[in-house]
Amino acid sequence: MDKQDRKHNTKPMNKELTPKEQKFAELCVTLGNQTEAYRQAYNPTNKDAEWLKVKASQIASKDNVRLTIGILKGELSETHGIDRAFILQGYLQIISDADYTFQLGSDNTLTKEDKQAFYRIMNQTKNTDKIRALEAISKMMGLNEPEVIEHKHTVKTYKTNWG
């Protein structure tokens, strides 16, 4: 198995995590911050932020630790019923609310009660919410990757008598 295969291997290794590695993996999931997880799990004497970041990254990239973090994230997601579909539905609701708000804003026939409702909704739903939701969906779906355009050129050489 070459280095590239090992990097993407998803089968658990025979080596179990040390207690500190296990605690680090659990803290990575609960805190969402590898550096802070390293600080709490290993209690290092060197508190330099760059050094901690490097050490945390090294631990997190170990096969068993990386796989354990993935498993724990999956369990947490399952426990709370949060998956891609749930997140996507939430973002789509934000977009729908923003669209509805802007439609209401352009309606000149609103009653006084409708205008009050509109301003209440407008204060809750901002255009930036819609933009953030669209950006998050794009990222989630991999749509924010730059488009790759392949160019094929043929270079022809000509012999000249210019000198």
C-alpha atoms as a PDB file:
ATOM      1  CA  MET A   1       0.000   0.000   0.000  1.00  0.00           C
ATOM      2  CA  ASP A   2       1.581   3.284  -1.042  1.00  0.00           C
ATOM      3  CA  LYS A   3       1.440   6.584   0.850  1.00  0.00           C
ATOM      4  CA  GLN A   4      -1.535   7.902  -1.172  1.00  0.00           C
ATOM      5  CA  ASP A   5      -3.587   4.747  -0.451  1.00  0.00           C
ATOM      6  CA  ARG A   6      -2.848   4.984   3.267  1.00  0.00           C
ATOM      7  CA  LYS A   7      -3.911   8.622   3.352  1.00  0.00           C
ATOM      8  CA  HIS A   8      -7.401   7.770   2.091  1.00  0.00           C
ATOM      9  CA  ASN A   9      -7.789   4.414   3.820  1.00  0.00           C
ATOM     10  CA  THR A  10     -11.082   4.338   5.721  1.00  0.00           C
ATOM     11  CA  LYS A  11     -10.645   0.931   7.382  1.00  0.00           C
ATOM     12  CA  PRO A  12      -9.879   1.169  11.097  1.00  0.00           C
ATOM     13  CA  MET A  13      -6.301   0.287  11.977  1.00  0.00           C
ATOM     14  CA  ASN A  14      -5.485  -2.364  14.574  1.00  0.00           C
ATOM     15  CA  LYS A  15      -3.808   0.198  16.824  1.00  0.00           C
ATOM     16  CA  GLU A  16      -6.176   1.662  19.414  1.00  0.00           C
ATOM     17  CA  LEU A  17      -6.079   5.281  20.433  1.00  0.00           C
ATOM     18  CA  THR A  18      -4.239   6.302  23.552  1.00  0.00           C
ATOM     19  CA  PRO A  19      -6.431   7.871  26.248  1.00  0.00           C
ATOM     20  CA  LYS A  20      -5.118  11.326  25.278  1.00  0.00           C
ATOM     21  CA  GLU A  21      -5.811  10.703  21.575  1.00  0.00           C
ATOM     22  CA  GLN A  22      -9.339   9.545  22.433  1.00  0.00           C
ATOM     23  CA  LYS A  23      -9.927  12.629  24.572  1.00  0.00           C
ATOM     24  CA  PHE A  24      -8.491  14.805  21.773  1.00  0.00           C
ATOM     25  CA  ALA A  25     -10.865  13.233  19.211  1.00  0.00           C
ATOM     26  CA  GLU A  26     -13.871  13.730  21.488  1.00  0.00           C
ATOM     27  CA  LEU A  27     -12.917  17.348  22.196  1.00  0.00           C
ATOM     28  CA  CYS A  28     -12.396  18.023  18.481  1.00  0.00           C
ATOM     29  CA  VAL A  29     -16.009  17.050  17.904  1.00  0.00           C
ATOM     30  CA  THR A  30     -17.520  18.848  20.888  1.00  0.00           C
ATOM     31  CA  LEU A  31     -15.394  22.018  20.658  1.00  0.00           C
ATOM     32  CA  GLY A  32     -14.954  22.156  16.890  1.00  0.00           C
ATOM     33  CA  ASN A  33     -11.398  23.427  17.386  1.00  0.00           C
ATOM     34  CA  GLN A  34      -8.349  21.171  17.095  1.00  0.00           C
ATOM     35  CA  THR A  35      -5.979  23.591  18.830  1.00  0.00           C
ATOM     36  CA  GLU A  36      -8.208  23.935  21.879  1.00  0.00           C
ATOM     37  CA  ALA A  37      -8.831  20.178  21.880  1.00  0.00           C
ATOM     38  CA  TYR A  38      -5.061  19.603  21.927  1.00  0.00           C
ATOM     39  CA  ARG A  39      -4.612  22.152  24.726  1.00  0.00           C
ATOM     40  CA  GLN A  40      -7.246  20.432  26.894  1.00  0.00           C
ATOM     41  CA  ALA A  41      -6.335  16.824  26.086  1.00  0.00           C
ATOM     42  CA  TYR A  42      -2.542  17.119  26.359  1.00  0.00           C
ATOM     43  CA  ASN A  43      -2.151  20.081  28.756  1.00  0.00           C
ATOM     44  CA  PRO A  44       1.102  21.201  27.090  1.00  0.00           C
ATOM     45  CA  THR A  45       3.607  23.419  28.853  1.00  0.00           C
ATOM     46  CA  ASN A  46       4.364  25.285  25.611  1.00  0.00           C
ATOM     47  CA  LYS A  47       1.308  27.485  25.053  1.00  0.00           C
ATOM     48  CA  ASP A  48       2.585  29.076  21.793  1.00  0.00           C
ATOM     49  CA  ALA A  49      -0.406  29.212  19.456  1.00  0.00           C
ATOM     50  CA  GLU A  50       1.501  28.212  16.302  1.00  0.00           C
ATOM     51  CA  TRP A  51       3.174  25.273  17.998  1.00  0.00           C
ATOM     52  CA  LEU A  52      -0.161  24.089  19.419  1.00  0.00           C
ATOM     53  CA  LYS A  53      -1.785  24.387  15.995  1.00  0.00           C
ATOM     54  CA  VAL A  54       0.947  22.257  14.407  1.00  0.00           C
ATOM     55  CA  LYS A  55       0.797  19.588  17.114  1.00  0.00           C
ATOM     56  CA  ALA A  56      -3.009  19.470  16.962  1.00  0.00           C
ATOM     57  CA  SER A  57      -2.900  19.062  13.195  1.00  0.00           C
ATOM     58  CA  GLN A  58      -0.337  16.255  13.481  1.00  0.00           C
ATOM     59  CA  ILE A  59      -2.492  14.340  15.972  1.00  0.00           C
ATOM     60  CA  ALA A  60      -5.702  14.931  13.982  1.00  0.00           C
ATOM     61  CA  SER A  61      -4.096  13.619  10.791  1.00  0.00           C
ATOM     62  CA  LYS A  62      -3.191  10.244  12.317  1.00  0.00           C
ATOM     63  CA  ASP A  63      -5.344   7.582  10.637  1.00  0.00           C
ATOM     64  CA  ASN A  64      -6.993   6.242  13.794  1.00  0.00           C
ATOM     65  CA  VAL A  65      -7.616   9.700  15.233  1.00  0.00           C
ATOM     66  CA  ARG A  66      -9.020  11.003  11.937  1.00  0.00           C
ATOM     67  CA  LEU A  67     -11.316   7.980  11.628  1.00  0.00           C
ATOM     68  CA  THR A  68     -12.442   8.273  15.252  1.00  0.00           C
ATOM     69  CA  ILE A  69     -13.282  11.958  14.764  1.00  0.00           C
ATOM     70  CA  GLY A  70     -15.325  11.032  11.686  1.00  0.00           C
ATOM     71  CA  ILE A  71     -17.195   8.311  13.564  1.00  0.00           C
ATOM     72  CA  LEU A  72     -17.891  10.611  16.524  1.00  0.00           C
ATOM     73  CA  LYS A  73     -19.155  13.375  14.210  1.00  0.00           C
ATOM     74  CA  GLY A  74     -21.456  10.869  12.524  1.00  0.00           C
ATOM     75  CA  GLU A  75     -22.803   9.668  15.866  1.00  0.00           C
ATOM     76  CA  LEU A  76     -23.373  13.235  17.039  1.00  0.00           C
ATOM     77  CA  SER A  77     -25.149  14.106  13.814  1.00  0.00           C
ATOM     78  CA  GLU A  78     -27.329  11.008  14.089  1.00  0.00           C
ATOM     79  CA  THR A  79     -28.120  11.692  17.748  1.00  0.00           C
ATOM     80  CA  HIS A  80     -29.389  15.182  16.957  1.00  0.00           C
ATOM     81  CA  GLY A  81     -31.015  14.271  13.647  1.00  0.00           C
ATOM     82  CA  ILE A  82     -28.852  16.700  11.744  1.00  0.00           C
ATOM     83  CA  ASP A  83     -27.726  15.703   8.297  1.00  0.00           C
ATOM     84  CA  ARG A  84     -27.110  17.406   4.962  1.00  0.00           C
ATOM     85  CA  ALA A  85     -30.814  17.289   4.091  1.00  0.00           C
ATOM     86  CA  PHE A  86     -31.758  18.976   7.393  1.00  0.00           C
ATOM     87  CA  ILE A  87     -29.166  21.718   6.918  1.00  0.00           C
ATOM     88  CA  LEU A  88     -30.159  22.210   3.293  1.00  0.00           C
ATOM     89  CA  GLN A  89     -33.833  22.514   4.270  1.00  0.00           C
ATOM     90  CA  GLY A  90     -32.959  25.177   6.844  1.00  0.00           C
ATOM     91  CA  TYR A  91     -31.008  27.199   4.298  1.00  0.00           C
ATOM     92  CA  LEU A  92     -33.796  26.874   1.753  1.00  0.00           C
ATOM     93  CA  GLN A  93     -36.261  28.185   4.356  1.00  0.00           C
ATOM     94  CA  ILE A  94     -34.054  31.235   4.958  1.00  0.00           C
ATOM     95  CA  ILE A  95     -33.960  31.888   1.213  1.00  0.00           C
ATOM     96  CA  SER A  96     -37.726  31.447   0.930  1.00  0.00           C
ATOM     97  CA  ASP A  97     -38.346  33.828   3.840  1.00  0.00           C
ATOM     98  CA  ALA A  98     -36.060  36.437   2.289  1.00  0.00           C
ATOM     99  CA  ASP A  99     -37.796  36.125  -1.080  1.00  0.00           C
ATOM    100  CA  TYR A 100     -41.220  36.455   0.573  1.00  0.00           C
ATOM    101  CA  THR A 101     -40.077  39.508   2.516  1.00  0.00           C
ATOM    102  CA  PHE A 102     -38.886  41.266  -0.619  1.00  0.00           C
ATOM    103  CA  GLN A 103     -42.119  40.419  -2.430  1.00  0.00           C
ATOM    104  CA  LEU A 104     -44.111  41.934   0.422  1.00  0.00           C
ATOM    105  CA  GLY A 105     -41.936  45.031   0.368  1.00  0.00           C
ATOM    106  CA  SER A 106     -42.784  45.697  -3.265  1.00  0.00           C
ATOM    107  CA  ASP A 107     -46.553  45.385  -2.661  1.00  0.00           C
ATOM    108  CA  ASN A 108     -48.076  48.872  -2.441  1.00  0.00           C
ATOM    109  CA  THR A 109     -51.531  47.607  -1.437  1.00  0.00           C
ATOM    110  CA  LEU A 110     -50.621  46.408   2.057  1.00  0.00           C
ATOM    111  CA  THR A 111     -52.964  47.106   4.934  1.00  0.00           C
ATOM    112  CA  LYS A 112     -51.642  48.659   8.143  1.00  0.00           C
ATOM    113  CA  GLU A 113     -51.500  45.201   9.783  1.00  0.00           C
ATOM    114  CA  ASP A 114     -49.718  43.752   6.753  1.00  0.00           C
ATOM    115  CA  LYS A 115     -47.170  46.578   6.838  1.00  0.00           C
ATOM    116  CA  GLN A 116     -46.496  45.881  10.519  1.00  0.00           C
ATOM    117  CA  ALA A 117     -46.071  42.189   9.740  1.00  0.00           C
ATOM    118  CA  PHE A 118     -43.763  43.089   6.867  1.00  0.00           C
ATOM    119  CA  TYR A 119     -41.494  45.210   9.059  1.00  0.00           C
ATOM    120  CA  ARG A 120     -41.449  42.494  11.717  1.00  0.00           C
ATOM    121  CA  ILE A 121     -40.406  39.904   9.112  1.00  0.00           C
ATOM    122  CA  MET A 122     -37.938  42.301   7.497  1.00  0.00           C
ATOM    123  CA  ASN A 123     -36.184  42.767  10.830  1.00  0.00           C
ATOM    124  CA  GLN A 124     -35.849  38.991  11.183  1.00  0.00           C
ATOM    125  CA  THR A 125     -34.843  38.200   7.607  1.00  0.00           C
ATOM    126  CA  LYS A 126     -32.092  40.170   6.011  1.00  0.00           C
ATOM    127  CA  ASN A 127     -30.676  39.966   2.508  1.00  0.00           C
ATOM    128  CA  THR A 128     -27.330  38.980   4.016  1.00  0.00           C
ATOM    129  CA  ASP A 129     -29.019  35.898   5.528  1.00  0.00           C
ATOM    130  CA  LYS A 130     -30.043  34.824   2.037  1.00  0.00           C
ATOM    131  CA  ILE A 131     -26.555  35.434   0.677  1.00  0.00           C
ATOM    132  CA  ARG A 132     -24.957  33.442   3.522  1.00  0.00           C
ATOM    133  CA  ALA A 133     -27.440  30.607   2.979  1.00  0.00           C
ATOM    134  CA  LEU A 134     -26.689  30.506  -0.745  1.00  0.00           C
ATOM    135  CA  GLU A 135     -22.938  30.543  -0.077  1.00  0.00           C
ATOM    136  CA  ALA A 136     -23.260  27.719   2.463  1.00  0.00           C
ATOM    137  CA  ILE A 137     -25.364  25.618   0.071  1.00  0.00           C
ATOM    138  CA  SER A 138     -22.859  26.232  -2.710  1.00  0.00           C
ATOM    139  CA  LYS A 139     -20.021  25.110  -0.475  1.00  0.00           C
ATOM    140  CA  MET A 140     -21.988  22.085   0.776  1.00  0.00           C
ATOM    141  CA  MET A 141     -22.756  20.975  -2.783  1.00  0.00           C
ATOM    142  CA  GLY A 142     -19.222  21.667  -4.027  1.00  0.00           C
ATOM    143  CA  LEU A 143     -20.512  24.358  -6.357  1.00  0.00           C
ATOM    144  CA  ASN A 144     -18.056  26.994  -5.182  1.00  0.00           C
ATOM    145  CA  GLU A 145     -15.086  25.310  -6.804  1.00  0.00           C
ATOM    146  CA  PRO A 146     -13.617  27.333  -9.632  1.00  0.00           C
ATOM    147  CA  GLU A 147     -14.690  26.190 -13.061  1.00  0.00           C
ATOM    148  CA  VAL A 148     -11.912  24.421 -14.881  1.00  0.00           C
ATOM    149  CA  ILE A 149     -11.653  25.347 -18.515  1.00  0.00           C
ATOM    150  CA  GLU A 150      -9.340  23.276 -20.580  1.00  0.00           C
ATOM    151  CA  HIS A 151      -7.501  25.096 -23.341  1.00  0.00           C
ATOM    152  CA  LYS A 152      -5.897  23.222 -26.187  1.00  0.00           C
ATOM    153  CA  HIS A 153      -3.451  25.110 -28.318  1.00  0.00           C
ATOM    154  CA  THR A 154      -1.508  23.991 -31.300  1.00  0.00           C
ATOM    155  CA  VAL A 155       1.758  25.708 -31.918  1.00  0.00           C
ATOM    156  CA  LYS A 156       3.010  25.683 -35.463  1.00  0.00           C
ATOM    157  CA  THR A 157       6.511  26.692 -36.352  1.00  0.00           C
ATOM    158  CA  TYR A 158       7.438  28.227 -39.641  1.00  0.00           C
ATOM    159  CA  LYS A 159      10.862  28.541 -41.151  1.00  0.00           C
ATOM    160  CA  THR A 160      11.629  32.049 -42.305  1.00  0.00           C
ATOM    161  CA  ASN A 161      14.463  33.594 -44.262  1.00  0.00           C
ATOM    162  CA  TRP A 162      14.713  36.669 -42.101  1.00  0.00           C
ATOM    163  CA  GLY A 163      18.153  36.027 -40.940  1.00  0.00           C
END
